[in-house]
PDB file of N, CA and C in Angstrom:
ATOM      1  N   MET A   1      44.039 153.141-140.257  1.00  0.00           N
ATOM      2  CA  MET A   1      42.937 152.474-140.912  1.00  0.00           C
ATOM      3  C   MET A   1      41.670 153.266-140.650  1.00  0.00           C
ATOM      4  N   GLY A   2      40.826 153.318-141.611  1.00  0.00           N
ATOM      5  CA  GLY A   2      39.640 154.148-141.505  1.00  0.00           C
ATOM      6  C   GLY A   2      38.458 153.449-140.874  1.00  0.00           C
ATOM      7  N   ALA A   3      37.477 154.265-140.496  1.00  0.00           N
ATOM      8  CA  ALA A   3      36.227 153.751-139.953  1.00  0.00           C
ATOM      9  C   ALA A   3      35.099 154.161-140.882  1.00  0.00           C
ATOM     10  N   GLU A   4      34.124 153.283-140.992  1.00  0.00           N
ATOM     11  CA  GLU A   4      32.967 153.572-141.831  1.00  0.00           C
ATOM     12  C   GLU A   4      31.712 153.287-141.031  1.00  0.00           C
ATOM     13  N   SER A   5      30.667 154.044-141.309  1.00  0.00           N
ATOM     14  CA  SER A   5      29.392 153.783-140.658  1.00  0.00           C
ATOM     15  C   SER A   5      28.454 153.157-141.681  1.00  0.00           C
ATOM     16  N   GLY A   6      27.231 152.911-141.286  1.00  0.00           N
ATOM     17  CA  GLY A   6      26.280 152.300-142.200  1.00  0.00           C
ATOM     18  C   GLY A   6      26.146 150.817-141.935  1.00  0.00           C
ATOM     19  N   GLU A   7      25.557 150.499-140.791  1.00  0.00           N
ATOM     20  CA  GLU A   7      25.466 149.107-140.352  1.00  0.00           C
ATOM     21  C   GLU A   7      24.839 148.198-141.403  1.00  0.00           C
ATOM     22  N   GLU A   8      23.919 148.746-142.188  1.00  0.00           N
ATOM     23  CA  GLU A   8      23.242 147.926-143.188  1.00  0.00           C
ATOM     24  C   GLU A   8      24.167 147.508-144.325  1.00  0.00           C
ATOM     25  N   ASN A   9      25.353 148.115-144.428  1.00  0.00           N
ATOM     26  CA  ASN A   9      26.281 147.803-145.511  1.00  0.00           C
ATOM     27  C   ASN A   9      27.311 146.742-145.155  1.00  0.00           C
ATOM     28  N   PHE A  10      27.257 146.200-143.944  1.00  0.00           N
ATOM     29  CA  PHE A  10      28.259 145.236-143.504  1.00  0.00           C
ATOM     30  C   PHE A  10      27.608 143.923-143.120  1.00  0.00           C
ATOM     31  N   ARG A  11      28.305 142.827-143.374  1.00  0.00           N
ATOM     32  CA  ARG A  11      27.803 141.497-143.063  1.00  0.00           C
ATOM     33  C   ARG A  11      28.831 140.754-142.223  1.00  0.00           C
ATOM     34  N   LYS A  12      28.349 140.112-141.176  1.00  0.00           N
ATOM     35  CA  LYS A  12      29.210 139.315-140.302  1.00  0.00           C
ATOM     36  C   LYS A  12      29.714 138.104-141.082  1.00  0.00           C
ATOM     37  N   ILE A  13      30.970 137.741-140.831  1.00  0.00           N
ATOM     38  CA  ILE A  13      31.550 136.597-141.524  1.00  0.00           C
ATOM     39  C   ILE A  13      31.989 135.538-140.526  1.00  0.00           C
ATOM     40  N   ASP A  14      32.146 134.339-141.007  1.00  0.00           N
ATOM     41  CA  ASP A  14      32.674 133.224-140.232  1.00  0.00           C
ATOM     42  C   ASP A  14      34.157 133.120-140.561  1.00  0.00           C
ATOM     43  N   LEU A  15      34.995 133.363-139.559  1.00  0.00           N
ATOM     44  CA  LEU A  15      36.440 133.348-139.800  1.00  0.00           C
ATOM     45  C   LEU A  15      36.938 131.984-140.262  1.00  0.00           C
ATOM     46  N   GLY A  16      36.185 130.936-139.951  1.00  0.00           N
ATOM     47  CA  GLY A  16      36.588 129.597-140.347  1.00  0.00           C
ATOM     48  C   GLY A  16      36.675 129.406-141.848  1.00  0.00           C
ATOM     49  N   PHE A  17      36.009 130.277-142.593  1.00  0.00           N
ATOM     50  CA  PHE A  17      36.033 130.163-144.045  1.00  0.00           C
ATOM     51  C   PHE A  17      37.172 130.948-144.683  1.00  0.00           C
ATOM     52  N   LEU A  18      37.917 131.701-143.889  1.00  0.00           N
ATOM     53  CA  LEU A  18      39.009 132.483-144.465  1.00  0.00           C
ATOM     54  C   LEU A  18      40.182 131.585-144.797  1.00  0.00           C
ATOM     55  N   ASP A  19      40.950 131.997-145.755  1.00  0.00           N
ATOM     56  CA  ASP A  19      42.097 131.248-146.235  1.00  0.00           C
ATOM     57  C   ASP A  19      43.221 131.306-145.203  1.00  0.00           C
ATOM     58  N   LYS A  20      43.711 130.161-144.809  1.00  0.00           N
ATOM     59  CA  LYS A  20      44.808 130.109-143.829  1.00  0.00           C
ATOM     60  C   LYS A  20      46.079 130.757-144.372  1.00  0.00           C
ATOM     61  N   ASP A  21      46.179 130.876-145.687  1.00  0.00           N
ATOM     62  CA  ASP A  21      47.342 131.531-146.286  1.00  0.00           C
ATOM     63  C   ASP A  21      47.222 133.046-146.227  1.00  0.00           C
ATOM     64  N   GLY A  22      46.039 133.534-145.833  1.00  0.00           N
ATOM     65  CA  GLY A  22      45.853 134.970-145.647  1.00  0.00           C
ATOM     66  C   GLY A  22      45.853 135.782-146.915  1.00  0.00           C
ATOM     67  N   ASP A  23      45.327 135.220-147.995  1.00  0.00           N
ATOM     68  CA  ASP A  23      45.337 136.009-149.231  1.00  0.00           C
ATOM     69  C   ASP A  23      43.922 136.436-149.624  1.00  0.00           C
ATOM     70  N   GLU A  24      43.163 136.875-148.641  1.00  0.00           N
ATOM     71  CA  GLU A  24      41.807 137.342-148.909  1.00  0.00           C
ATOM     72  C   GLU A  24      41.835 138.524-149.871  1.00  0.00           C
ATOM     73  N   SER A  25      40.818 138.583-150.708  1.00  0.00           N
ATOM     74  CA  SER A  25      40.745 139.670-151.679  1.00  0.00           C
ATOM     75  C   SER A  25      39.691 140.689-151.257  1.00  0.00           C
ATOM     76  N   PHE A  26      39.503 140.834-149.943  1.00  0.00           N
ATOM     77  CA  PHE A  26      38.549 141.813-149.421  1.00  0.00           C
ATOM     78  C   PHE A  26      39.028 142.315-148.070  1.00  0.00           C
ATOM     79  N   ASP A  27      38.575 143.506-147.709  1.00  0.00           N
ATOM     80  CA  ASP A  27      38.930 144.092-146.418  1.00  0.00           C
ATOM     81  C   ASP A  27      38.069 143.474-145.323  1.00  0.00           C
ATOM     82  N   ILE A  28      38.649 143.364-144.137  1.00  0.00           N
ATOM     83  CA  ILE A  28      37.948 142.806-142.980  1.00  0.00           C
ATOM     84  C   ILE A  28      37.827 143.899-141.922  1.00  0.00           C
ATOM     85  N   PHE A  29      36.637 144.036-141.346  1.00  0.00           N
ATOM     86  CA  PHE A  29      36.332 145.089-140.381  1.00  0.00           C
ATOM     87  C   PHE A  29      35.881 144.488-139.051  1.00  0.00           C
ATOM     88  N   TYR A  30      35.990 145.283-137.993  1.00  0.00           N
ATOM     89  CA  TYR A  30      35.343 144.948-136.735  1.00  0.00           C
ATOM     90  C   TYR A  30      34.456 146.123-136.340  1.00  0.00           C
ATOM     91  N   LYS A  31      33.469 145.834-135.515  1.00  0.00           N
ATOM     92  CA  LYS A  31      32.472 146.845-135.169  1.00  0.00           C
ATOM     93  C   LYS A  31      32.796 147.462-133.820  1.00  0.00           C
ATOM     94  N   THR A  32      32.651 148.773-133.734  1.00  0.00           N
ATOM     95  CA  THR A  32      32.792 149.488-132.464  1.00  0.00           C
ATOM     96  C   THR A  32      31.556 150.347-132.259  1.00  0.00           C
ATOM     97  N   GLU A  33      31.295 150.652-131.019  1.00  0.00           N
ATOM     98  CA  GLU A  33      30.171 151.539-130.717  1.00  0.00           C
ATOM     99  C   GLU A  33      30.616 152.517-129.644  1.00  0.00           C
ATOM    100  N   THR A  34      30.493 153.786-129.949  1.00  0.00           N
ATOM    101  CA  THR A  34      30.874 154.849-129.028  1.00  0.00           C
ATOM    102  C   THR A  34      29.729 155.842-128.929  1.00  0.00           C
ATOM    103  N   PHE A  35      29.231 156.012-127.730  1.00  0.00           N
ATOM    104  CA  PHE A  35      28.133 156.959-127.495  1.00  0.00           C
ATOM    105  C   PHE A  35      26.962 156.708-128.442  1.00  0.00           C
ATOM    106  N   GLY A  36      26.654 155.428-128.650  1.00  0.00           N
ATOM    107  CA  GLY A  36      25.514 155.066-129.486  1.00  0.00           C
ATOM    108  C   GLY A  36      25.767 155.110-130.977  1.00  0.00           C
ATOM    109  N   THR A  37      26.972 155.453-131.399  1.00  0.00           N
ATOM    110  CA  THR A  37      27.307 155.499-132.821  1.00  0.00           C
ATOM    111  C   THR A  37      28.112 154.265-133.190  1.00  0.00           C
ATOM    112  N   VAL A  38      27.587 153.484-134.118  1.00  0.00           N
ATOM    113  CA  VAL A  38      28.265 152.271-134.573  1.00  0.00           C
ATOM    114  C   VAL A  38      29.186 152.618-135.729  1.00  0.00           C
ATOM    115  N   LYS A  39      30.405 152.133-135.646  1.00  0.00           N
ATOM    116  CA  LYS A  39      31.367 152.321-136.735  1.00  0.00           C
ATOM    117  C   LYS A  39      32.046 150.994-137.005  1.00  0.00           C
ATOM    118  N   TYR A  40      32.460 150.831-138.247  1.00  0.00           N
ATOM    119  CA  TYR A  40      33.209 149.648-138.655  1.00  0.00           C
ATOM    120  C   TYR A  40      34.630 150.095-138.956  1.00  0.00           C
ATOM    121  N   VAL A  41      35.585 149.511-138.249  1.00  0.00           N
ATOM    122  CA  VAL A  41      36.986 149.889-138.368  1.00  0.00           C
ATOM    123  C   VAL A  41      37.718 148.781-139.127  1.00  0.00           C
ATOM    124  N   LYS A  42      38.506 149.187-140.099  1.00  0.00           N
ATOM    125  CA  LYS A  42      39.226 148.205-140.901  1.00  0.00           C
ATOM    126  C   LYS A  42      40.273 147.502-140.049  1.00  0.00           C
ATOM    127  N   PHE A  43      40.167 146.192-139.969  1.00  0.00           N
ATOM    128  CA  PHE A  43      41.139 145.367-139.252  1.00  0.00           C
ATOM    129  C   PHE A  43      42.287 144.974-140.174  1.00  0.00           C
ATOM    130  N   ALA A  44      41.938 144.576-141.380  1.00  0.00           N
ATOM    131  CA  ALA A  44      42.955 144.152-142.342  1.00  0.00           C
ATOM    132  C   ALA A  44      42.460 144.456-143.748  1.00  0.00           C
ATOM    133  N   SER A  45      43.376 144.823-144.590  1.00  0.00           N
ATOM    134  CA  SER A  45      43.044 145.088-145.986  1.00  0.00           C
ATOM    135  C   SER A  45      43.655 143.988-146.847  1.00  0.00           C
ATOM    136  N   THR A  46      43.541 144.153-148.136  1.00  0.00           N
ATOM    137  CA  THR A  46      44.123 143.184-149.056  1.00  0.00           C
ATOM    138  C   THR A  46      45.630 143.376-149.199  1.00  0.00           C
ATOM    139  N   ASP A  47      46.160 144.407-148.577  1.00  0.00           N
ATOM    140  CA  ASP A  47      47.598 144.681-148.606  1.00  0.00           C
ATOM    141  C   ASP A  47      48.342 143.502-147.967  1.00  0.00           C
ATOM    142  N   PRO A  48      49.355 142.965-148.621  1.00  0.00           N
ATOM    143  CA  PRO A  48      50.092 141.812-148.079  1.00  0.00           C
ATOM    144  C   PRO A  48      50.605 142.020-146.652  1.00  0.00           C
ATOM    145  N   LYS A  49      50.946 143.241-146.288  1.00  0.00           N
ATOM    146  CA  LYS A  49      51.462 143.459-144.930  1.00  0.00           C
ATOM    147  C   LYS A  49      50.383 143.242-143.870  1.00  0.00           C
ATOM    148  N   HIS A  50      49.118 143.310-144.252  1.00  0.00           N
ATOM    149  CA  HIS A  50      48.037 143.078-143.299  1.00  0.00           C
ATOM    150  C   HIS A  50      47.665 141.609-143.190  1.00  0.00           C
ATOM    151  N   GLN A  51      48.115 140.804-144.131  1.00  0.00           N
ATOM    152  CA  GLN A  51      47.721 139.404-144.143  1.00  0.00           C
ATOM    153  C   GLN A  51      48.308 138.629-142.968  1.00  0.00           C
ATOM    154  N   ASP A  52      49.445 139.083-142.423  1.00  0.00           N
ATOM    155  CA  ASP A  52      49.989 138.446-141.217  1.00  0.00           C
ATOM    156  C   ASP A  52      49.020 138.579-140.057  1.00  0.00           C
ATOM    157  N   LYS A  53      48.319 139.717-139.969  1.00  0.00           N
ATOM    158  CA  LYS A  53      47.323 139.909-138.916  1.00  0.00           C
ATOM    159  C   LYS A  53      46.204 138.878-139.047  1.00  0.00           C
ATOM    160  N   VAL A  54      45.795 138.617-140.272  1.00  0.00           N
ATOM    161  CA  VAL A  54      44.729 137.648-140.515  1.00  0.00           C
ATOM    162  C   VAL A  54      45.214 136.246-140.152  1.00  0.00           C
ATOM    163  N   ARG A  55      46.419 135.896-140.559  1.00  0.00           N
ATOM    164  CA  ARG A  55      46.963 134.569-140.229  1.00  0.00           C
ATOM    165  C   ARG A  55      47.058 134.376-138.716  1.00  0.00           C
ATOM    166  N   ARG A  56      47.553 135.391-138.004  1.00  0.00           N
ATOM    167  CA  ARG A  56      47.659 135.282-136.536  1.00  0.00           C
ATOM    168  C   ARG A  56      46.280 135.124-135.910  1.00  0.00           C
ATOM    169  N   LEU A  57      45.324 135.868-136.418  1.00  0.00           N
ATOM    170  CA  LEU A  57      43.963 135.786-135.908  1.00  0.00           C
ATOM    171  C   LEU A  57      43.405 134.375-136.096  1.00  0.00           C
ATOM    172  N   LEU A  58      43.635 133.792-137.248  1.00  0.00           N
ATOM    173  CA  LEU A  58      43.140 132.450-137.525  1.00  0.00           C
ATOM    174  C   LEU A  58      43.839 131.401-136.668  1.00  0.00           C
ATOM    175  N   GLU A  59      45.130 131.610-136.407  1.00  0.00           N
ATOM    176  CA  GLU A  59      45.881 130.658-135.589  1.00  0.00           C
ATOM    177  C   GLU A  59      45.508 130.764-134.117  1.00  0.00           C
ATOM    178  N   ASP A  60      45.358 131.982-133.622  1.00  0.00           N
ATOM    179  CA  ASP A  60      45.116 132.202-132.195  1.00  0.00           C
ATOM    180  C   ASP A  60      43.648 132.140-131.815  1.00  0.00           C
ATOM    181  N   GLY A  61      42.773 132.435-132.763  1.00  0.00           N
ATOM    182  CA  GLY A  61      41.341 132.463-132.475  1.00  0.00           C
ATOM    183  C   GLY A  61      40.949 133.746-131.759  1.00  0.00           C
ATOM    184  N   THR A  62      39.642 134.015-131.717  1.00  0.00           N
ATOM    185  CA  THR A  62      39.140 135.223-131.071  1.00  0.00           C
ATOM    186  C   THR A  62      37.641 135.092-130.864  1.00  0.00           C
ATOM    187  N   ASP A  63      37.135 135.848-129.911  1.00  0.00           N
ATOM    188  CA  ASP A  63      35.692 135.928-129.703  1.00  0.00           C
ATOM    189  C   ASP A  63      35.114 137.142-130.425  1.00  0.00           C
ATOM    190  N   GLN A  64      35.973 137.947-130.995  1.00  0.00           N
ATOM    191  CA  GLN A  64      35.569 139.162-131.704  1.00  0.00           C
ATOM    192  C   GLN A  64      34.823 138.797-132.986  1.00  0.00           C
ATOM    193  N   ASP A  65      33.786 139.532-133.298  1.00  0.00           N
ATOM    194  CA  ASP A  65      33.081 139.362-134.562  1.00  0.00           C
ATOM    195  C   ASP A  65      33.747 140.218-135.628  1.00  0.00           C
ATOM    196  N   PHE A  66      33.796 139.691-136.843  1.00  0.00           N
ATOM    197  CA  PHE A  66      34.377 140.424-137.957  1.00  0.00           C
ATOM    198  C   PHE A  66      33.370 140.500-139.097  1.00  0.00           C
ATOM    199  N   TYR A  67      33.555 141.517-139.924  1.00  0.00           N
ATOM    200  CA  TYR A  67      32.577 141.851-140.952  1.00  0.00           C
ATOM    201  C   TYR A  67      33.288 142.170-142.263  1.00  0.00           C
ATOM    202  N   ILE A  68      32.527 142.071-143.342  1.00  0.00           N
ATOM    203  CA  ILE A  68      32.993 142.558-144.642  1.00  0.00           C
ATOM    204  C   ILE A  68      31.926 143.496-145.182  1.00  0.00           C
ATOM    205  N   HIS A  69      32.334 144.354-146.082  1.00  0.00           N
ATOM    206  CA  HIS A  69      31.380 145.240-146.735  1.00  0.00           C
ATOM    207  C   HIS A  69      30.554 144.399-147.702  1.00  0.00           C
ATOM    208  N   GLU A  70      29.288 144.717-147.809  1.00  0.00           N
ATOM    209  CA  GLU A  70      28.393 143.908-148.651  1.00  0.00           C
ATOM    210  C   GLU A  70      28.845 143.852-150.100  1.00  0.00           C
ATOM    211  N   ASP A  71      29.617 144.821-150.551  1.00  0.00           N
ATOM    212  CA  ASP A  71      30.130 144.793-151.919  1.00  0.00           C
ATOM    213  C   ASP A  71      31.050 143.595-152.153  1.00  0.00           C
ATOM    214  N   ASN A  72      31.572 143.028-151.064  1.00  0.00           N
ATOM    215  CA  ASN A  72      32.509 141.912-151.170  1.00  0.00           C
ATOM    216  C   ASN A  72      31.873 140.560-150.833  1.00  0.00           C
ATOM    217  N   LEU A  73      30.556 140.518-150.721  1.00  0.00           N
ATOM    218  CA  LEU A  73      29.884 139.260-150.371  1.00  0.00           C
ATOM    219  C   LEU A  73      30.184 138.152-151.382  1.00  0.00           C
ATOM    220  N   PHE A  74      30.187 138.481-152.656  1.00  0.00           N
ATOM    221  CA  PHE A  74      30.452 137.455-153.662  1.00  0.00           C
ATOM    222  C   PHE A  74      31.836 136.843-153.454  1.00  0.00           C
ATOM    223  N   LYS A  75      32.849 137.682-153.219  1.00  0.00           N
ATOM    224  CA  LYS A  75      34.206 137.178-152.994  1.00  0.00           C
ATOM    225  C   LYS A  75      34.250 136.305-151.742  1.00  0.00           C
ATOM    226  N   TYR A  76      33.575 136.742-150.685  1.00  0.00           N
ATOM    227  CA  TYR A  76      33.557 135.968-149.440  1.00  0.00           C
ATOM    228  C   TYR A  76      32.883 134.612-149.664  1.00  0.00           C
ATOM    229  N   TYR A  77      31.737 134.605-150.343  1.00  0.00           N
ATOM    230  CA  TYR A  77      31.037 133.347-150.587  1.00  0.00           C
ATOM    231  C   TYR A  77      31.875 132.400-151.451  1.00  0.00           C
ATOM    232  N   LYS A  78      32.656 132.976-152.329  1.00  0.00           N
ATOM    233  CA  LYS A  78      33.557 132.155-153.140  1.00  0.00           C
ATOM    234  C   LYS A  78      34.589 131.462-152.241  1.00  0.00           C
ATOM    235  N   TYR A  79      35.135 132.210-151.279  1.00  0.00           N
ATOM    236  CA  TYR A  79      36.070 131.617-150.312  1.00  0.00           C
ATOM    237  C   TYR A  79      35.375 130.540-149.493  1.00  0.00           C
ATOM    238  N   ALA A  80      34.166 130.842-149.023  1.00  0.00           N
ATOM    239  CA  ALA A  80      33.430 129.898-148.179  1.00  0.00           C
ATOM    240  C   ALA A  80      33.143 128.614-148.949  1.00  0.00           C
ATOM    241  N   THR A  81      32.735 128.728-150.197  1.00  0.00           N
ATOM    242  CA  THR A  81      32.435 127.559-151.013  1.00  0.00           C
ATOM    243  C   THR A  81      33.693 126.715-151.218  1.00  0.00           C
ATOM    244  N   ARG A  82      34.798 127.378-151.520  1.00  0.00           N
ATOM    245  CA  ARG A  82      36.061 126.664-151.715  1.00  0.00           C
ATOM    246  C   ARG A  82      36.479 125.959-150.434  1.00  0.00           C
ATOM    247  N   SER A  83      36.288 126.627-149.307  1.00  0.00           N
ATOM    248  CA  SER A  83      36.634 126.039-148.014  1.00  0.00           C
ATOM    249  C   SER A  83      35.774 124.811-147.716  1.00  0.00           C
ATOM    250  N   LEU A  84      34.490 124.900-148.003  1.00  0.00           N
ATOM    251  CA  LEU A  84      33.590 123.756-147.770  1.00  0.00           C
ATOM    252  C   LEU A  84      33.947 122.586-148.676  1.00  0.00           C
ATOM    253  N   LYS A  85      34.314 122.876-149.909  1.00  0.00           N
ATOM    254  CA  LYS A  85      34.698 121.801-150.836  1.00  0.00           C
ATOM    255  C   LYS A  85      35.969 121.089-150.374  1.00  0.00           C
ATOM    256  N   ALA A  86      36.841 121.830-149.689  1.00  0.00           N
ATOM    257  CA  ALA A  86      38.107 121.257-149.223  1.00  0.00           C
ATOM    258  C   ALA A  86      37.911 120.337-148.022  1.00  0.00           C
ATOM    259  N   MET A  87      36.786 120.494-147.330  1.00  0.00           N
ATOM    260  CA  MET A  87      36.507 119.654-146.150  1.00  0.00           C
ATOM    261  C   MET A  87      35.936 118.314-146.612  1.00  0.00           C
ATOM    262  N   ASP A  88      36.388 117.277-145.977  1.00  0.00           N
ATOM    263  CA  ASP A  88      35.835 115.952-146.264  1.00  0.00           C
ATOM    264  C   ASP A  88      34.737 115.649-145.269  1.00  0.00           C
ATOM    265  N   PHE A  89      33.563 115.387-145.771  1.00  0.00           N
ATOM    266  CA  PHE A  89      32.436 115.058-144.888  1.00  0.00           C
ATOM    267  C   PHE A  89      32.239 113.571-144.839  1.00  0.00           C
TER     268      PHE A  89
END
């Protein structure tokens, strides 16, 4: 999986809004920093074989922060909106 730089191009996400079925239509990244250089490493892609990683993450939980590329903000917000609508307040 590749790494990308450009901190301004990534947005932190709330994992609680991700689909428990793991069918996200965007790549998910985590942030690393080595010798003062920040990089975003792909944790999971839209490839079905990576969706098990997302499901396990959602089931087990984590303190790790995850990010999406800003190009995918609309898709993420669509997931978040659908997730909020599914919750009964």
